[in-house]
Amino acid sequence: LGDFHARHPAVQVHLREAEGEDQLLAVARGEVDLVACRQPVAVPGQWVFEPLMPDQFVVVVRPGHPLLRRSTVGWKALGREIWLLAPAETAARRQFDEVAARLDQPPRTHPLVSRSIPATLDTLQREPVLALLPLSFVRRAVAAGQLAVLPLPEPMPMNALGLLRPEPLVLPAAQAL
C-alpha cells in the first residue's frame, strides 16, 4: 500500500480485516470494491478471483531451535514437540489437525490460541514451541531472522492469495489499486 499511495496520493483506501464468510457478506452487501483474500471455494456472481501469490503451510520455530540442525524433520519427531495452535476455524488449524490425527499420540499444545499476529510471533520467539502457519503470515519474521522454517520432507500447499473483484472492474481507484 505504501507504493500505491506514493503513486496515487489522492486515493483513500479503507482497509478492513474480515474472515471467510464476513468477506463474502461484505461483497453481497456492496460494502467493498476489492477483497484481498485466499482463493475462495465459491466466487459470488459478477465477481472473479485473481491469484497474485502462491502460499504454503510451514512449520516455524525460534532461531536456534534444536530441530533446525536436521536436514529434514519428519512428523514423528514433530509430534514430540509443543505446538502453538491457530484457532479452530482457520486453515492452519485444520491442516494441523489433519496431520496430528496421523500421529501415534496427540501432540502437546501451548495454552495460547490466538489470531493475534503480535502475540503469536512473540510466543514463537520467546518459547521453544512450533507452529504450523501460512508462509505469508510469517514471511517477514523469517526474512528478519526472528523465526526459522523447519525443513519438512514435503511441501504443504494451500490456496493462493489474490484479489476478489467485480467483473468488470469499473471504479478508477479500484482499477489503479
Protein backbone atom coordinates (compact mmCIF):
# COMPACT_ATOMS: atom_id res chain seq x y z
CA LEU A 1 0.00 0.00 0.00
CA GLY A 2 2.90 2.36 0.59
CA ASP A 3 3.95 2.16 -3.07
CA PHE A 4 0.34 2.60 -4.18
CA HIS A 5 -0.13 5.73 -2.06
CA ALA A 6 3.12 7.20 -3.36
CA ARG A 7 1.75 6.88 -6.93
CA HIS A 8 -1.88 7.76 -6.07
CA PRO A 9 -1.85 10.13 -3.06
CA ALA A 10 -5.45 11.28 -3.66
CA VAL A 11 -6.93 7.76 -3.40
CA GLN A 12 -8.12 6.92 0.09
CA VAL A 13 -8.02 3.20 0.96
CA HIS A 14 -10.23 1.90 3.76
CA LEU A 15 -8.61 -1.32 4.95
CA ARG A 16 -10.84 -3.60 6.99
CA GLU A 17 -9.94 -7.08 8.21
CA ALA A 18 -12.57 -9.79 7.89
CA GLU A 19 -12.56 -13.57 7.90
CA GLY A 20 -14.17 -16.08 5.50
CA GLU A 21 -17.92 -15.60 5.49
CA ASP A 22 -17.64 -11.98 6.64
CA GLN A 23 -15.68 -11.23 3.45
CA LEU A 24 -18.42 -12.70 1.26
CA LEU A 25 -21.13 -10.90 3.26
CA ALA A 26 -19.33 -7.59 2.66
CA VAL A 27 -19.34 -8.39 -1.08
CA ALA A 28 -23.03 -9.32 -1.02
CA ARG A 29 -23.94 -6.11 0.83
CA GLY A 30 -21.93 -3.98 -1.63
CA GLU A 31 -19.62 -2.71 1.14
CA VAL A 32 -16.34 -3.39 -0.66
CA ASP A 33 -14.77 -2.68 -4.04
CA LEU A 34 -11.97 -5.27 -3.74
CA VAL A 35 -11.21 -8.12 -1.34
CA ALA A 36 -7.67 -9.32 -0.70
CA CYS A 37 -8.12 -12.95 0.33
CA ARG A 38 -7.32 -16.60 -0.21
CA GLN A 39 -8.90 -18.20 -3.23
CA PRO A 40 -12.47 -18.91 -2.11
CA VAL A 41 -14.31 -22.16 -2.77
CA ALA A 42 -17.13 -20.23 -4.44
CA VAL A 43 -16.94 -16.82 -6.12
CA PRO A 44 -20.00 -14.56 -5.94
CA GLY A 45 -21.80 -13.82 -9.22
CA GLN A 46 -20.31 -10.96 -11.25
CA TRP A 47 -17.02 -11.29 -9.34
CA VAL A 48 -13.74 -13.03 -10.25
CA PHE A 49 -10.72 -14.13 -8.23
CA GLU A 50 -7.26 -13.15 -9.49
CA PRO A 51 -4.48 -15.19 -7.85
CA LEU A 52 -1.47 -13.00 -7.06
CA MET A 53 0.78 -15.01 -4.76
CA PRO A 54 1.12 -18.74 -4.10
CA ASP A 55 1.34 -19.80 -0.48
CA GLN A 56 2.09 -22.89 1.58
CA PHE A 57 1.98 -24.07 5.15
CA VAL A 58 5.30 -24.12 7.01
CA VAL A 59 6.40 -25.15 10.48
CA VAL A 60 8.19 -22.30 12.21
CA VAL A 61 10.34 -22.09 15.33
CA ARG A 62 12.56 -19.56 17.01
CA PRO A 63 16.16 -19.33 15.74
CA GLY A 64 18.46 -21.81 17.45
CA HIS A 65 15.77 -24.45 17.96
CA PRO A 66 17.46 -27.90 18.06
CA LEU A 67 15.34 -29.26 15.18
CA LEU A 68 16.95 -26.72 12.83
CA ARG A 69 20.15 -28.82 12.89
CA ARG A 70 18.41 -31.59 10.91
CA SER A 71 18.35 -31.67 7.12
CA THR A 72 14.69 -32.72 7.22
CA VAL A 73 12.27 -33.13 10.10
CA GLY A 74 9.61 -35.82 9.96
CA TRP A 75 6.20 -35.68 11.57
CA LYS A 76 7.10 -38.35 14.13
CA ALA A 77 9.78 -36.03 15.59
CA LEU A 78 7.45 -33.03 15.28
CA GLY A 79 4.79 -34.92 17.22
CA ARG A 80 7.02 -34.91 20.31
CA GLU A 81 7.21 -31.10 20.38
CA ILE A 82 4.95 -28.47 21.96
CA TRP A 83 2.70 -26.70 19.45
CA LEU A 84 1.25 -23.21 19.37
CA LEU A 85 -2.15 -23.69 17.75
CA ALA A 86 -4.14 -21.42 15.47
CA PRO A 87 -7.88 -21.02 16.20
CA ALA A 88 -10.10 -23.97 15.24
CA GLU A 89 -11.82 -22.26 12.30
CA THR A 90 -8.59 -21.40 10.46
CA ALA A 91 -6.99 -23.24 7.54
CA ALA A 92 -3.78 -23.61 9.56
CA ARG A 93 -5.62 -25.36 12.38
CA ARG A 94 -7.47 -27.67 10.00
CA GLN A 95 -4.13 -28.62 8.41
CA PHE A 96 -2.54 -29.17 11.83
CA ASP A 97 -5.47 -31.32 13.00
CA GLU A 98 -5.21 -33.43 9.84
CA VAL A 99 -1.50 -34.05 10.41
CA ALA A 100 -1.94 -34.61 14.16
CA ALA A 101 -4.60 -37.27 13.51
CA ARG A 102 -1.94 -39.40 11.78
CA LEU A 103 0.45 -39.30 14.75
CA ASP A 104 0.76 -42.08 17.34
CA GLN A 105 -0.37 -39.79 20.15
CA PRO A 106 -1.85 -36.28 20.34
CA PRO A 107 0.87 -33.60 20.37
CA ARG A 108 1.31 -31.38 23.40
CA THR A 109 -0.03 -27.85 22.95
CA HIS A 110 0.72 -24.42 24.34
CA PRO A 111 -2.14 -22.75 26.26
CA LEU A 112 -2.30 -19.71 23.90
CA VAL A 113 -4.63 -19.98 20.89
CA SER A 114 -4.94 -16.67 19.07
CA ARG A 115 -5.42 -14.86 15.76
CA SER A 116 -3.22 -12.05 17.06
CA ILE A 117 -0.13 -11.80 14.88
CA PRO A 118 1.94 -9.94 17.51
CA ALA A 119 1.02 -12.43 20.27
CA THR A 120 1.76 -15.43 18.04
CA LEU A 121 5.11 -14.07 16.86
CA ASP A 122 6.11 -13.05 20.39
CA THR A 123 5.33 -16.52 21.78
CA LEU A 124 7.20 -18.22 18.94
CA GLN A 125 10.26 -16.03 19.52
CA ARG A 126 10.29 -16.46 23.31
CA GLU A 127 9.42 -20.12 23.78
CA PRO A 128 10.64 -23.42 22.28
CA VAL A 129 7.30 -24.10 20.56
CA LEU A 130 6.40 -24.90 16.97
CA ALA A 131 3.57 -23.53 14.86
CA LEU A 132 2.11 -24.61 11.54
CA LEU A 133 1.20 -21.39 9.71
CA PRO A 134 0.94 -19.97 6.20
CA LEU A 135 4.30 -18.78 4.91
CA SER A 136 2.65 -15.46 4.02
CA PHE A 137 1.85 -15.00 7.74
CA VAL A 138 5.49 -15.35 8.88
CA ARG A 139 7.49 -14.35 5.77
CA ARG A 140 8.75 -11.04 7.19
CA ALA A 141 9.71 -12.55 10.55
CA VAL A 142 11.64 -15.32 8.76
CA ALA A 143 13.38 -12.81 6.45
CA ALA A 144 14.33 -10.69 9.50
CA GLY A 145 15.81 -13.76 11.26
CA GLN A 146 13.18 -13.62 14.03
CA LEU A 147 11.78 -17.06 13.09
CA ALA A 148 13.05 -20.04 11.10
CA VAL A 149 11.25 -22.55 8.88
CA LEU A 150 11.85 -26.23 9.62
CA PRO A 151 12.84 -28.39 6.63
CA LEU A 152 9.87 -30.72 6.12
CA PRO A 153 10.12 -33.79 3.84
CA GLU A 154 7.35 -32.47 1.56
CA PRO A 155 5.68 -29.11 0.89
CA MET A 156 2.18 -28.40 2.19
CA PRO A 157 0.48 -26.20 -0.42
CA MET A 158 -2.55 -24.06 0.29
CA ASN A 159 -4.84 -21.77 -1.71
CA ALA A 160 -3.22 -18.74 -3.29
CA LEU A 161 -3.65 -15.18 -2.08
CA GLY A 162 -5.18 -12.74 -4.50
CA LEU A 163 -7.94 -10.28 -5.25
CA LEU A 164 -11.64 -10.93 -5.40
CA ARG A 165 -13.07 -8.20 -7.62
CA PRO A 166 -16.15 -7.34 -9.62
CA GLU A 167 -16.13 -8.09 -13.34
CA PRO A 168 -15.87 -5.66 -14.99
CA LEU A 169 -13.85 -3.52 -12.57
CA VAL A 170 -15.23 -0.05 -13.28
CA LEU A 171 -14.12 2.20 -10.41
CA PRO A 172 -10.91 4.02 -11.43
CA ALA A 173 -9.45 3.88 -7.88
CA ALA A 174 -10.05 0.13 -7.67
CA GLN A 175 -8.53 -0.32 -11.14
CA ALA A 176 -5.44 1.59 -10.03
CA LEU A 177 -5.10 -0.49 -6.89
